[in-house]
Amino acid sequence: MRARTVWESFGFAFAGLRYAWRTQRNLRIHTVIAVMVVTLAGLLHFDALRWAILVLTIAMVWAAELLNTALEAVVDLASPYPHPLARIAKDVSAGMVLLCAIAAVLVGLALFGPVLWALLNP
């Protein structure tokens, strides 16, 4: 379906976000973790650069989850019955999310580690 207006485009985008939120447990888990991390960053008074890196990292994980959700839906449409290639597509897509989540943890350690270390070891 093609959007006729920019507002209709936003409507489609929000419909996709609502669908993913309702159906994807891992997206909800990532969101809870993101809220906790953003709260901690606020308490630690992150500077603009740390905030930018943090926001981009959170967005990367969410984007990977959304792409994984979309790919799974397309694979299910194209291959309603189990097929080895469908399994490969889904597994590789899940691997993408895992890779992004691991990278996010490493970025988090780089962002929070020195600040927390300095606070705990005055």
PDB file of N, CA and C in Angstrom:
ATOM      1  N   MET A   1       0.844  -1.177   0.000  1.00  0.00           N
ATOM      2  CA  MET A   1       0.000   0.000   0.000  1.00  0.00           C
ATOM      3  C   MET A   1       0.891   1.244   0.000  1.00  0.00           C
ATOM      4  N   ARG A   2       0.615   2.143  -0.880  1.00  0.00           N
ATOM      5  CA  ARG A   2       1.421   3.351  -1.034  1.00  0.00           C
ATOM      6  C   ARG A   2       0.748   4.507  -0.299  1.00  0.00           C
ATOM      7  N   ALA A   3       1.553   5.234   0.489  1.00  0.00           N
ATOM      8  CA  ALA A   3       1.029   6.382   1.224  1.00  0.00           C
ATOM      9  C   ALA A   3       0.801   7.550   0.277  1.00  0.00           C
ATOM     10  N   ARG A   4      -0.317   8.227   0.453  1.00  0.00           N
ATOM     11  CA  ARG A   4      -0.623   9.388  -0.381  1.00  0.00           C
ATOM     12  C   ARG A   4      -0.122  10.687   0.238  1.00  0.00           C
ATOM     13  N   THR A   5       0.034  10.692   1.557  1.00  0.00           N
ATOM     14  CA  THR A   5       0.517  11.895   2.243  1.00  0.00           C
ATOM     15  C   THR A   5       1.599  11.508   3.230  1.00  0.00           C
ATOM     16  N   VAL A   6       2.336  12.509   3.692  1.00  0.00           N
ATOM     17  CA  VAL A   6       3.367  12.243   4.688  1.00  0.00           C
ATOM     18  C   VAL A   6       2.732  11.739   5.985  1.00  0.00           C
ATOM     19  N   TRP A   7       1.534  12.241   6.301  1.00  0.00           N
ATOM     20  CA  TRP A   7       0.853  11.808   7.525  1.00  0.00           C
ATOM     21  C   TRP A   7       0.433  10.351   7.428  1.00  0.00           C
ATOM     22  N   GLU A   8       0.036   9.942   6.235  1.00  0.00           N
ATOM     23  CA  GLU A   8      -0.313   8.543   6.021  1.00  0.00           C
ATOM     24  C   GLU A   8       0.932   7.663   6.169  1.00  0.00           C
ATOM     25  N   SER A   9       2.074   8.148   5.704  1.00  0.00           N
ATOM     26  CA  SER A   9       3.337   7.418   5.878  1.00  0.00           C
ATOM     27  C   SER A   9       3.649   7.220   7.354  1.00  0.00           C
ATOM     28  N   PHE A  10       3.475   8.298   8.130  1.00  0.00           N
ATOM     29  CA  PHE A  10       3.693   8.180   9.576  1.00  0.00           C
ATOM     30  C   PHE A  10       2.722   7.174  10.186  1.00  0.00           C
ATOM     31  N   GLY A  11       1.481   7.178   9.706  1.00  0.00           N
ATOM     32  CA  GLY A  11       0.494   6.224  10.208  1.00  0.00           C
ATOM     33  C   GLY A  11       0.923   4.788   9.967  1.00  0.00           C
ATOM     34  N   PHE A  12       1.434   4.507   8.761  1.00  0.00           N
ATOM     35  CA  PHE A  12       1.927   3.161   8.463  1.00  0.00           C
ATOM     36  C   PHE A  12       3.109   2.803   9.363  1.00  0.00           C
ATOM     37  N   ALA A  13       4.006   3.763   9.557  1.00  0.00           N
ATOM     38  CA  ALA A  13       5.180   3.512  10.397  1.00  0.00           C
ATOM     39  C   ALA A  13       4.761   3.203  11.831  1.00  0.00           C
ATOM     40  N   PHE A  14       3.830   3.986  12.369  1.00  0.00           N
ATOM     41  CA  PHE A  14       3.374   3.739  13.739  1.00  0.00           C
ATOM     42  C   PHE A  14       2.602   2.428  13.841  1.00  0.00           C
ATOM     43  N   ALA A  15       1.884   2.059  12.791  1.00  0.00           N
ATOM     44  CA  ALA A  15       1.205   0.761  12.785  1.00  0.00           C
ATOM     45  C   ALA A  15       2.228  -0.370  12.861  1.00  0.00           C
ATOM     46  N   GLY A  16       3.332  -0.218  12.148  1.00  0.00           N
ATOM     47  CA  GLY A  16       4.401  -1.217  12.214  1.00  0.00           C
ATOM     48  C   GLY A  16       5.017  -1.296  13.595  1.00  0.00           C
ATOM     49  N   LEU A  17       5.245  -0.141  14.211  1.00  0.00           N
ATOM     50  CA  LEU A  17       5.794  -0.127  15.572  1.00  0.00           C
ATOM     51  C   LEU A  17       4.821  -0.782  16.557  1.00  0.00           C
ATOM     52  N   ARG A  18       3.529  -0.472  16.423  1.00  0.00           N
ATOM     53  CA  ARG A  18       2.524  -1.085  17.309  1.00  0.00           C
ATOM     54  C   ARG A  18       2.498  -2.601  17.133  1.00  0.00           C
ATOM     55  N   TYR A  19       2.539  -3.052  15.879  1.00  0.00           N
ATOM     56  CA  TYR A  19       2.538  -4.493  15.622  1.00  0.00           C
ATOM     57  C   TYR A  19       3.752  -5.151  16.279  1.00  0.00           C
ATOM     58  N   ALA A  20       4.921  -4.571  16.070  1.00  0.00           N
ATOM     59  CA  ALA A  20       6.140  -5.150  16.642  1.00  0.00           C
ATOM     60  C   ALA A  20       6.072  -5.147  18.166  1.00  0.00           C
ATOM     61  N   TRP A  21       5.572  -4.068  18.744  1.00  0.00           N
ATOM     62  CA  TRP A  21       5.475  -3.978  20.208  1.00  0.00           C
ATOM     63  C   TRP A  21       4.545  -5.071  20.750  1.00  0.00           C
ATOM     64  N   ARG A  22       3.416  -5.286  20.075  1.00  0.00           N
ATOM     65  CA  ARG A  22       2.441  -6.274  20.537  1.00  0.00           C
ATOM     66  C   ARG A  22       2.936  -7.705  20.373  1.00  0.00           C
ATOM     67  N   THR A  23       3.726  -7.960  19.344  1.00  0.00           N
ATOM     68  CA  THR A  23       4.045  -9.349  18.998  1.00  0.00           C
ATOM     69  C   THR A  23       5.465  -9.790  19.346  1.00  0.00           C
ATOM     70  N   GLN A  24       6.360  -8.847  19.627  1.00  0.00           N
ATOM     71  CA  GLN A  24       7.770  -9.208  19.796  1.00  0.00           C
ATOM     72  C   GLN A  24       8.234  -8.991  21.237  1.00  0.00           C
ATOM     73  N   ARG A  25       8.307 -10.088  21.974  1.00  0.00           N
ATOM     74  CA  ARG A  25       8.740 -10.027  23.374  1.00  0.00           C
ATOM     75  C   ARG A  25      10.120  -9.399  23.499  1.00  0.00           C
ATOM     76  N   ASN A  26      11.043  -9.761  22.617  1.00  0.00           N
ATOM     77  CA  ASN A  26      12.407  -9.238  22.732  1.00  0.00           C
ATOM     78  C   ASN A  26      12.468  -7.729  22.520  1.00  0.00           C
ATOM     79  N   LEU A  27      11.606  -7.185  21.678  1.00  0.00           N
ATOM     80  CA  LEU A  27      11.555  -5.733  21.504  1.00  0.00           C
ATOM     81  C   LEU A  27      11.137  -5.068  22.811  1.00  0.00           C
ATOM     82  N   ARG A  28      10.173  -5.661  23.500  1.00  0.00           N
ATOM     83  CA  ARG A  28       9.749  -5.103  24.790  1.00  0.00           C
ATOM     84  C   ARG A  28      10.867  -5.206  25.820  1.00  0.00           C
ATOM     85  N   ILE A  29      11.599  -6.312  25.811  1.00  0.00           N
ATOM     86  CA  ILE A  29      12.735  -6.466  26.731  1.00  0.00           C
ATOM     87  C   ILE A  29      13.799  -5.419  26.427  1.00  0.00           C
ATOM     88  N   HIS A  30      14.139  -5.245  25.160  1.00  0.00           N
ATOM     89  CA  HIS A  30      15.137  -4.238  24.778  1.00  0.00           C
ATOM     90  C   HIS A  30      14.678  -2.839  25.186  1.00  0.00           C
ATOM     91  N   THR A  31      13.385  -2.583  25.109  1.00  0.00           N
ATOM     92  CA  THR A  31      12.865  -1.267  25.477  1.00  0.00           C
ATOM     93  C   THR A  31      12.992  -1.030  26.978  1.00  0.00           C
ATOM     94  N   VAL A  32      12.673  -2.025  27.784  1.00  0.00           N
ATOM     95  CA  VAL A  32      12.823  -1.891  29.241  1.00  0.00           C
ATOM     96  C   VAL A  32      14.286  -1.631  29.591  1.00  0.00           C
ATOM     97  N   ILE A  33      15.188  -2.366  28.974  1.00  0.00           N
ATOM     98  CA  ILE A  33      16.618  -2.163  29.220  1.00  0.00           C
ATOM     99  C   ILE A  33      17.032  -0.765  28.777  1.00  0.00           C
ATOM    100  N   ALA A  34      16.532  -0.321  27.625  1.00  0.00           N
ATOM    101  CA  ALA A  34      16.870   1.018  27.128  1.00  0.00           C
ATOM    102  C   ALA A  34      16.401   2.096  28.098  1.00  0.00           C
ATOM    103  N   VAL A  35      15.209   1.942  28.655  1.00  0.00           N
ATOM    104  CA  VAL A  35      14.708   2.925  29.625  1.00  0.00           C
ATOM    105  C   VAL A  35      15.615   2.965  30.854  1.00  0.00           C
ATOM    106  N   MET A  36      16.041   1.805  31.335  1.00  0.00           N
ATOM    107  CA  MET A  36      16.940   1.770  32.498  1.00  0.00           C
ATOM    108  C   MET A  36      18.278   2.429  32.175  1.00  0.00           C
ATOM    109  N   VAL A  37      18.816   2.142  30.994  1.00  0.00           N
ATOM    110  CA  VAL A  37      20.105   2.697  30.587  1.00  0.00           C
ATOM    111  C   VAL A  37      20.011   4.212  30.413  1.00  0.00           C
ATOM    112  N   VAL A  38      18.938   4.685  29.798  1.00  0.00           N
ATOM    113  CA  VAL A  38      18.752   6.130  29.612  1.00  0.00           C
ATOM    114  C   VAL A  38      18.605   6.818  30.968  1.00  0.00           C
ATOM    115  N   THR A  39      17.892   6.186  31.893  1.00  0.00           N
ATOM    116  CA  THR A  39      17.753   6.748  33.241  1.00  0.00           C
ATOM    117  C   THR A  39      19.115   6.860  33.916  1.00  0.00           C
ATOM    118  N   LEU A  40      19.918   5.809  33.833  1.00  0.00           N
ATOM    119  CA  LEU A  40      21.254   5.845  34.429  1.00  0.00           C
ATOM    120  C   LEU A  40      22.117   6.912  33.767  1.00  0.00           C
ATOM    121  N   ALA A  41      22.039   7.035  32.462  1.00  0.00           N
ATOM    122  CA  ALA A  41      22.811   8.062  31.751  1.00  0.00           C
ATOM    123  C   ALA A  41      22.413   9.456  32.230  1.00  0.00           C
ATOM    124  N   GLY A  42      21.127   9.661  32.468  1.00  0.00           N
ATOM    125  CA  GLY A  42      20.671  10.947  32.993  1.00  0.00           C
ATOM    126  C   GLY A  42      21.208  11.209  34.386  1.00  0.00           C
ATOM    127  N   LEU A  43      21.186  10.192  35.230  1.00  0.00           N
ATOM    128  CA  LEU A  43      21.710  10.341  36.591  1.00  0.00           C
ATOM    129  C   LEU A  43      23.208  10.623  36.592  1.00  0.00           C
ATOM    130  N   LEU A  44      23.903  10.096  35.594  1.00  0.00           N
ATOM    131  CA  LEU A  44      25.357  10.293  35.503  1.00  0.00           C
ATOM    132  C   LEU A  44      25.719  11.548  34.711  1.00  0.00           C
ATOM    133  N   HIS A  45      24.715  12.293  34.253  1.00  0.00           N
ATOM    134  CA  HIS A  45      24.931  13.551  33.523  1.00  0.00           C
ATOM    135  C   HIS A  45      25.842  13.363  32.309  1.00  0.00           C
ATOM    136  N   PHE A  46      25.464  12.417  31.455  1.00  0.00           N
ATOM    137  CA  PHE A  46      26.234  12.186  30.232  1.00  0.00           C
ATOM    138  C   PHE A  46      26.348  13.478  29.425  1.00  0.00           C
ATOM    139  N   ASP A  47      27.493  13.658  28.778  1.00  0.00           N
ATOM    140  CA  ASP A  47      27.662  14.806  27.884  1.00  0.00           C
ATOM    141  C   ASP A  47      27.010  14.487  26.532  1.00  0.00           C
ATOM    142  N   ALA A  48      27.002  15.472  25.642  1.00  0.00           N
ATOM    143  CA  ALA A  48      26.296  15.331  24.363  1.00  0.00           C
ATOM    144  C   ALA A  48      26.835  14.171  23.527  1.00  0.00           C
ATOM    145  N   LEU A  49      28.139  13.979  23.510  1.00  0.00           N
ATOM    146  CA  LEU A  49      28.712  12.896  22.710  1.00  0.00           C
ATOM    147  C   LEU A  49      28.272  11.536  23.240  1.00  0.00           C
ATOM    148  N   ARG A  50      28.329  11.350  24.550  1.00  0.00           N
ATOM    149  CA  ARG A  50      27.888  10.074  25.127  1.00  0.00           C
ATOM    150  C   ARG A  50      26.402   9.834  24.841  1.00  0.00           C
ATOM    151  N   TRP A  51      25.587  10.897  24.940  1.00  0.00           N
ATOM    152  CA  TRP A  51      24.165  10.760  24.631  1.00  0.00           C
ATOM    153  C   TRP A  51      23.963  10.347  23.180  1.00  0.00           C
ATOM    154  N   ALA A  52      24.692  10.971  22.278  1.00  0.00           N
ATOM    155  CA  ALA A  52      24.543  10.651  20.856  1.00  0.00           C
ATOM    156  C   ALA A  52      24.894   9.186  20.592  1.00  0.00           C
ATOM    157  N   ILE A  53      25.987   8.739  21.169  1.00  0.00           N
ATOM    158  CA  ILE A  53      26.403   7.343  20.985  1.00  0.00           C
ATOM    159  C   ILE A  53      25.365   6.403  21.581  1.00  0.00           C
ATOM    160  N   LEU A  54      24.858   6.747  22.759  1.00  0.00           N
ATOM    161  CA  LEU A  54      23.865   5.908  23.423  1.00  0.00           C
ATOM    162  C   LEU A  54      22.574   5.818  22.609  1.00  0.00           C
ATOM    163  N   VAL A  55      22.081   6.947  22.140  1.00  0.00           N
ATOM    164  CA  VAL A  55      20.836   6.963  21.361  1.00  0.00           C
ATOM    165  C   VAL A  55      21.002   6.172  20.061  1.00  0.00           C
ATOM    166  N   LEU A  56      22.117   6.349  19.381  1.00  0.00           N
ATOM    167  CA  LEU A  56      22.352   5.601  18.140  1.00  0.00           C
ATOM    168  C   LEU A  56      22.457   4.100  18.403  1.00  0.00           C
ATOM    169  N   THR A  57      23.055   3.731  19.522  1.00  0.00           N
ATOM    170  CA  THR A  57      23.192   2.314  19.857  1.00  0.00           C
ATOM    171  C   THR A  57      21.833   1.694  20.157  1.00  0.00           C
ATOM    172  N   ILE A  58      21.012   2.403  20.926  1.00  0.00           N
ATOM    173  CA  ILE A  58      19.658   1.913  21.210  1.00  0.00           C
ATOM    174  C   ILE A  58      18.866   1.789  19.913  1.00  0.00           C
ATOM    175  N   ALA A  59      18.961   2.798  19.061  1.00  0.00           N
ATOM    176  CA  ALA A  59      18.241   2.770  17.786  1.00  0.00           C
ATOM    177  C   ALA A  59      18.711   1.606  16.915  1.00  0.00           C
ATOM    178  N   MET A  60      20.004   1.290  16.959  1.00  0.00           N
ATOM    179  CA  MET A  60      20.535   0.172  16.175  1.00  0.00           C
ATOM    180  C   MET A  60      19.873  -1.138  16.605  1.00  0.00           C
ATOM    181  N   VAL A  61      19.760  -1.357  17.904  1.00  0.00           N
ATOM    182  CA  VAL A  61      19.162  -2.597  18.395  1.00  0.00           C
ATOM    183  C   VAL A  61      17.677  -2.648  18.037  1.00  0.00           C
ATOM    184  N   TRP A  62      16.967  -1.542  18.245  1.00  0.00           N
ATOM    185  CA  TRP A  62      15.546  -1.512  17.883  1.00  0.00           C
ATOM    186  C   TRP A  62      15.355  -1.735  16.387  1.00  0.00           C
ATOM    187  N   ALA A  63      16.181  -1.093  15.572  1.00  0.00           N
ATOM    188  CA  ALA A  63      16.069  -1.252  14.119  1.00  0.00           C
ATOM    189  C   ALA A  63      16.316  -2.706  13.717  1.00  0.00           C
ATOM    190  N   ALA A  64      17.285  -3.346  14.348  1.00  0.00           N
ATOM    191  CA  ALA A  64      17.553  -4.753  14.048  1.00  0.00           C
ATOM    192  C   ALA A  64      16.348  -5.615  14.415  1.00  0.00           C
ATOM    193  N   GLU A  65      15.731  -5.341  15.567  1.00  0.00           N
ATOM    194  CA  GLU A  65      14.538  -6.093  15.973  1.00  0.00           C
ATOM    195  C   GLU A  65      13.397  -5.895  14.973  1.00  0.00           C
ATOM    196  N   LEU A  66      13.208  -4.651  14.533  1.00  0.00           N
ATOM    197  CA  LEU A  66      12.136  -4.373  13.573  1.00  0.00           C
ATOM    198  C   LEU A  66      12.403  -5.049  12.228  1.00  0.00           C
ATOM    199  N   LEU A  67      13.648  -4.996  11.773  1.00  0.00           N
ATOM    200  CA  LEU A  67      14.000  -5.656  10.517  1.00  0.00           C
ATOM    201  C   LEU A  67      13.812  -7.165  10.627  1.00  0.00           C
ATOM    202  N   ASN A  68      14.193  -7.734  11.757  1.00  0.00           N
ATOM    203  CA  ASN A  68      14.008  -9.158  11.990  1.00  0.00           C
ATOM    204  C   ASN A  68      12.523  -9.521  11.941  1.00  0.00           C
ATOM    205  N   THR A  69      11.691  -8.698  12.561  1.00  0.00           N
ATOM    206  CA  THR A  69      10.247  -8.942  12.555  1.00  0.00           C
ATOM    207  C   THR A  69       9.694  -8.903  11.131  1.00  0.00           C
ATOM    208  N   ALA A  70      10.107  -7.900  10.364  1.00  0.00           N
ATOM    209  CA  ALA A  70       9.639  -7.780   8.983  1.00  0.00           C
ATOM    210  C   ALA A  70      10.105  -8.964   8.143  1.00  0.00           C
ATOM    211  N   LEU A  71      11.362  -9.355   8.301  1.00  0.00           N
ATOM    212  CA  LEU A  71      11.888 -10.467   7.516  1.00  0.00           C
ATOM    213  C   LEU A  71      11.160 -11.763   7.856  1.00  0.00           C
ATOM    214  N   GLU A  72      10.890 -11.982   9.144  1.00  0.00           N
ATOM    215  CA  GLU A  72      10.160 -13.189   9.529  1.00  0.00           C
ATOM    216  C   GLU A  72       8.770 -13.218   8.894  1.00  0.00           C
ATOM    217  N   ALA A  73       8.102 -12.065   8.852  1.00  0.00           N
ATOM    218  CA  ALA A  73       6.768 -12.012   8.244  1.00  0.00           C
ATOM    219  C   ALA A  73       6.832 -12.328   6.752  1.00  0.00           C
ATOM    220  N   VAL A  74       7.818 -11.782   6.064  1.00  0.00           N
ATOM    221  CA  VAL A  74       7.962 -12.038   4.629  1.00  0.00           C
ATOM    222  C   VAL A  74       8.292 -13.506   4.379  1.00  0.00           C
ATOM    223  N   VAL A  75       9.170 -14.071   5.194  1.00  0.00           N
ATOM    224  CA  VAL A  75       9.524 -15.485   5.034  1.00  0.00           C
ATOM    225  C   VAL A  75       8.295 -16.358   5.277  1.00  0.00           C
ATOM    226  N   ASP A  76       7.506 -16.034   6.303  1.00  0.00           N
ATOM    227  CA  ASP A  76       6.294 -16.815   6.576  1.00  0.00           C
ATOM    228  C   ASP A  76       5.300 -16.724   5.418  1.00  0.00           C
ATOM    229  N   LEU A  77       5.216 -15.554   4.794  1.00  0.00           N
ATOM    230  CA  LEU A  77       4.325 -15.386   3.644  1.00  0.00           C
ATOM    231  C   LEU A  77       4.821 -16.202   2.449  1.00  0.00           C
ATOM    232  N   ALA A  78       6.121 -16.142   2.194  1.00  0.00           N
ATOM    233  CA  ALA A  78       6.697 -16.820   1.026  1.00  0.00           C
ATOM    234  C   ALA A  78       6.784 -18.325   1.219  1.00  0.00           C
ATOM    235  N   SER A  79       6.954 -18.752   2.464  1.00  0.00           N
ATOM    236  CA  SER A  79       7.146 -20.171   2.732  1.00  0.00           C
ATOM    237  C   SER A  79       6.302 -20.574   3.940  1.00  0.00           C
ATOM    238  N   PRO A  80       4.993 -20.786   3.737  1.00  0.00           N
ATOM    239  CA  PRO A  80       4.126 -21.106   4.874  1.00  0.00           C
ATOM    240  C   PRO A  80       4.429 -22.469   5.500  1.00  0.00           C
ATOM    241  N   TYR A  81       5.163 -23.299   4.778  1.00  0.00           N
ATOM    242  CA  TYR A  81       5.546 -24.605   5.303  1.00  0.00           C
ATOM    243  C   TYR A  81       7.035 -24.591   5.616  1.00  0.00           C
ATOM    244  N   PRO A  82       7.474 -25.408   6.578  1.00  0.00           N
ATOM    245  CA  PRO A  82       8.903 -25.429   6.922  1.00  0.00           C
ATOM    246  C   PRO A  82       9.773 -25.719   5.693  1.00  0.00           C
ATOM    247  N   HIS A  83      10.822 -24.942   5.560  1.00  0.00           N
ATOM    248  CA  HIS A  83      11.749 -25.114   4.449  1.00  0.00           C
ATOM    249  C   HIS A  83      13.139 -24.728   4.945  1.00  0.00           C
ATOM    250  N   PRO A  84      14.185 -25.468   4.542  1.00  0.00           N
ATOM    251  CA  PRO A  84      15.542 -25.163   5.019  1.00  0.00           C
ATOM    252  C   PRO A  84      15.989 -23.728   4.717  1.00  0.00           C
ATOM    253  N   LEU A  85      15.627 -23.194   3.560  1.00  0.00           N
ATOM    254  CA  LEU A  85      16.037 -21.826   3.233  1.00  0.00           C
ATOM    255  C   LEU A  85      15.294 -20.799   4.087  1.00  0.00           C
ATOM    256  N   ALA A  86      14.038 -21.085   4.404  1.00  0.00           N
ATOM    257  CA  ALA A  86      13.287 -20.195   5.296  1.00  0.00           C
ATOM    258  C   ALA A  86      13.939 -20.184   6.675  1.00  0.00           C
ATOM    259  N   ARG A  87      14.354 -21.338   7.142  1.00  0.00           N
ATOM    260  CA  ARG A  87      15.017 -21.442   8.444  1.00  0.00           C
ATOM    261  C   ARG A  87      16.323 -20.649   8.434  1.00  0.00           C
ATOM    262  N   ILE A  88      17.096 -20.766   7.352  1.00  0.00           N
ATOM    263  CA  ILE A  88      18.357 -20.019   7.247  1.00  0.00           C
ATOM    264  C   ILE A  88      18.089 -18.520   7.318  1.00  0.00           C
ATOM    265  N   ALA A  89      17.099 -18.046   6.573  1.00  0.00           N
ATOM    266  CA  ALA A  89      16.787 -16.612   6.576  1.00  0.00           C
ATOM    267  C   ALA A  89      16.427 -16.138   7.978  1.00  0.00           C
ATOM    268  N   LYS A  90      15.601 -16.905   8.671  1.00  0.00           N
ATOM    269  CA  LYS A  90      15.196 -16.516  10.026  1.00  0.00           C
ATOM    270  C   LYS A  90      16.364 -16.586  11.004  1.00  0.00           C
ATOM    271  N   ASP A  91      17.190 -17.620  10.889  1.00  0.00           N
ATOM    272  CA  ASP A  91      18.334 -17.754  11.795  1.00  0.00           C
ATOM    273  C   ASP A  91      19.356 -16.642  11.580  1.00  0.00           C
ATOM    274  N   VAL A  92      19.624 -16.316  10.328  1.00  0.00           N
ATOM    275  CA  VAL A  92      20.581 -15.241  10.034  1.00  0.00           C
ATOM    276  C   VAL A  92      20.038 -13.908  10.549  1.00  0.00           C
ATOM    277  N   SER A  93      18.755 -13.687  10.380  1.00  0.00           N
ATOM    278  CA  SER A  93      18.139 -12.458  10.871  1.00  0.00           C
ATOM    279  C   SER A  93      18.219 -12.380  12.396  1.00  0.00           C
ATOM    280  N   ALA A  94      17.977 -13.486  13.069  1.00  0.00           N
ATOM    281  CA  ALA A  94      18.119 -13.518  14.527  1.00  0.00           C
ATOM    282  C   ALA A  94      19.575 -13.284  14.924  1.00  0.00           C
ATOM    283  N   GLY A  95      20.498 -13.813  14.134  1.00  0.00           N
ATOM    284  CA  GLY A  95      21.919 -13.572  14.391  1.00  0.00           C
ATOM    285  C   GLY A  95      22.276 -12.103  14.291  1.00  0.00           C
ATOM    286  N   MET A  96      21.639 -11.389  13.357  1.00  0.00           N
ATOM    287  CA  MET A  96      21.854  -9.946  13.228  1.00  0.00           C
ATOM    288  C   MET A  96      21.457  -9.233  14.516  1.00  0.00           C
ATOM    289  N   VAL A  97      20.307  -9.599  15.071  1.00  0.00           N
ATOM    290  CA  VAL A  97      19.850  -8.963  16.307  1.00  0.00           C
ATOM    291  C   VAL A  97      20.817  -9.280  17.443  1.00  0.00           C
ATOM    292  N   LEU A  98      21.252 -10.524  17.518  1.00  0.00           N
ATOM    293  CA  LEU A  98      22.203 -10.903  18.563  1.00  0.00           C
ATOM    294  C   LEU A  98      23.495 -10.110  18.439  1.00  0.00           C
ATOM    295  N   LEU A  99      24.012  -9.984  17.232  1.00  0.00           N
ATOM    296  CA  LEU A  99      25.241  -9.221  17.008  1.00  0.00           C
ATOM    297  C   LEU A  99      25.066  -7.768  17.450  1.00  0.00           C
ATOM    298  N   CYS A 100      23.942  -7.162  17.107  1.00  0.00           N
ATOM    299  CA  CYS A 100      23.677  -5.772  17.509  1.00  0.00           C
ATOM    300  C   CYS A 100      23.558  -5.656  19.026  1.00  0.00           C
ATOM    301  N   ALA A 101      22.919  -6.625  19.660  1.00  0.00           N
ATOM    302  CA  ALA A 101      22.772  -6.588  21.116  1.00  0.00           C
ATOM    303  C   ALA A 101      24.124  -6.729  21.808  1.00  0.00           C
ATOM    304  N   ILE A 102      24.978  -7.607  21.305  1.00  0.00           N
ATOM    305  CA  ILE A 102      26.322  -7.760  21.880  1.00  0.00           C
ATOM    306  C   ILE A 102      27.116  -6.475  21.694  1.00  0.00           C
ATOM    307  N   ALA A 103      27.039  -5.886  20.515  1.00  0.00           N
ATOM    308  CA  ALA A 103      27.723  -4.611  20.273  1.00  0.00           C
ATOM    309  C   ALA A 103      27.201  -3.539  21.222  1.00  0.00           C
ATOM    310  N   ALA A 104      25.890  -3.524  21.470  1.00  0.00           N
ATOM    311  CA  ALA A 104      25.304  -2.536  22.381  1.00  0.00           C
ATOM    312  C   ALA A 104      25.838  -2.708  23.797  1.00  0.00           C
ATOM    313  N   VAL A 105      25.999  -3.936  24.236  1.00  0.00           N
ATOM    314  CA  VAL A 105      26.573  -4.181  25.566  1.00  0.00           C
ATOM    315  C   VAL A 105      28.002  -3.653  25.622  1.00  0.00           C
ATOM    316  N   LEU A 106      28.782  -3.913  24.592  1.00  0.00           N
ATOM    317  CA  LEU A 106      30.169  -3.431  24.568  1.00  0.00           C
ATOM    318  C   LEU A 106      30.229  -1.905  24.541  1.00  0.00           C
ATOM    319  N   VAL A 107      29.352  -1.282  23.763  1.00  0.00           N
ATOM    320  CA  VAL A 107      29.291   0.186  23.745  1.00  0.00           C
ATOM    321  C   VAL A 107      28.889   0.692  25.126  1.00  0.00           C
ATOM    322  N   GLY A 108      27.920   0.033  25.744  1.00  0.00           N
ATOM    323  CA  GLY A 108      27.501   0.414  27.093  1.00  0.00           C
ATOM    324  C   GLY A 108      28.635   0.334  28.092  1.00  0.00           C
ATOM    325  N   LEU A 109      29.428  -0.718  28.008  1.00  0.00           N
ATOM    326  CA  LEU A 109      30.592  -0.836  28.901  1.00  0.00           C
ATOM    327  C   LEU A 109      31.576   0.302  28.662  1.00  0.00           C
ATOM    328  N   ALA A 110      31.791   0.649  27.406  1.00  0.00           N
ATOM    329  CA  ALA A 110      32.715   1.744  27.087  1.00  0.00           C
ATOM    330  C   ALA A 110      32.174   3.088  27.571  1.00  0.00           C
ATOM    331  N   LEU A 111      30.865   3.290  27.491  1.00  0.00           N
ATOM    332  CA  LEU A 111      30.269   4.558  27.906  1.00  0.00           C
ATOM    333  C   LEU A 111      30.141   4.673  29.423  1.00  0.00           C
ATOM    334  N   PHE A 112      29.659   3.615  30.060  1.00  0.00           N
ATOM    335  CA  PHE A 112      29.364   3.674  31.487  1.00  0.00           C
ATOM    336  C   PHE A 112      30.539   3.255  32.363  1.00  0.00           C
ATOM    337  N   GLY A 113      31.365   2.345  31.861  1.00  0.00           N
ATOM    338  CA  GLY A 113      32.453   1.805  32.670  1.00  0.00           C
ATOM    339  C   GLY A 113      33.339   2.856  33.308  1.00  0.00           C
ATOM    340  N   PRO A 114      33.955   3.738  32.529  1.00  0.00           N
ATOM    341  CA  PRO A 114      34.851   4.734  33.126  1.00  0.00           C
ATOM    342  C   PRO A 114      34.148   5.669  34.113  1.00  0.00           C
ATOM    343  N   VAL A 115      32.912   6.045  33.803  1.00  0.00           N
ATOM    344  CA  VAL A 115      32.173   6.956  34.685  1.00  0.00           C
ATOM    345  C   VAL A 115      31.855   6.263  36.006  1.00  0.00           C
ATOM    346  N   LEU A 116      31.360   5.038  35.936  1.00  0.00           N
ATOM    347  CA  LEU A 116      31.039   4.302  37.158  1.00  0.00           C
ATOM    348  C   LEU A 116      32.297   3.965  37.948  1.00  0.00           C
ATOM    349  N   TRP A 117      33.366   3.623  37.251  1.00  0.00           N
ATOM    350  CA  TRP A 117      34.634   3.327  37.916  1.00  0.00           C
ATOM    351  C   TRP A 117      35.128   4.544  38.697  1.00  0.00           C
ATOM    352  N   ALA A 118      35.049   5.703  38.092  1.00  0.00           N
ATOM    353  CA  ALA A 118      35.486   6.940  38.756  1.00  0.00           C
ATOM    354  C   ALA A 118      34.617   7.245  39.973  1.00  0.00           C
ATOM    355  N   LEU A 119      33.327   6.966  39.888  1.00  0.00           N
ATOM    356  CA  LEU A 119      32.435   7.205  41.026  1.00  0.00           C
ATOM    357  C   LEU A 119      32.690   6.232  42.170  1.00  0.00           C
ATOM    358  N   LEU A 120      32.987   4.995  41.832  1.00  0.00           N
ATOM    359  CA  LEU A 120      33.182   3.965  42.852  1.00  0.00           C
ATOM    360  C   LEU A 120      34.588   3.957  43.430  1.00  0.00           C
ATOM    361  N   ASN A 121      35.528   4.593  42.739  1.00  0.00           N
ATOM    362  CA  ASN A 121      36.918   4.640  43.205  1.00  0.00           C
ATOM    363  C   ASN A 121      37.408   6.088  43.203  1.00  0.00           C
ATOM    364  N   PRO A 122      36.937   6.883  44.181  1.00  0.00           N
ATOM    365  CA  PRO A 122      37.299   8.317  44.176  1.00  0.00           C
ATOM    366  C   PRO A 122      38.770   8.573  44.439  1.00  0.00           C
TER     367      PRO A 122
END
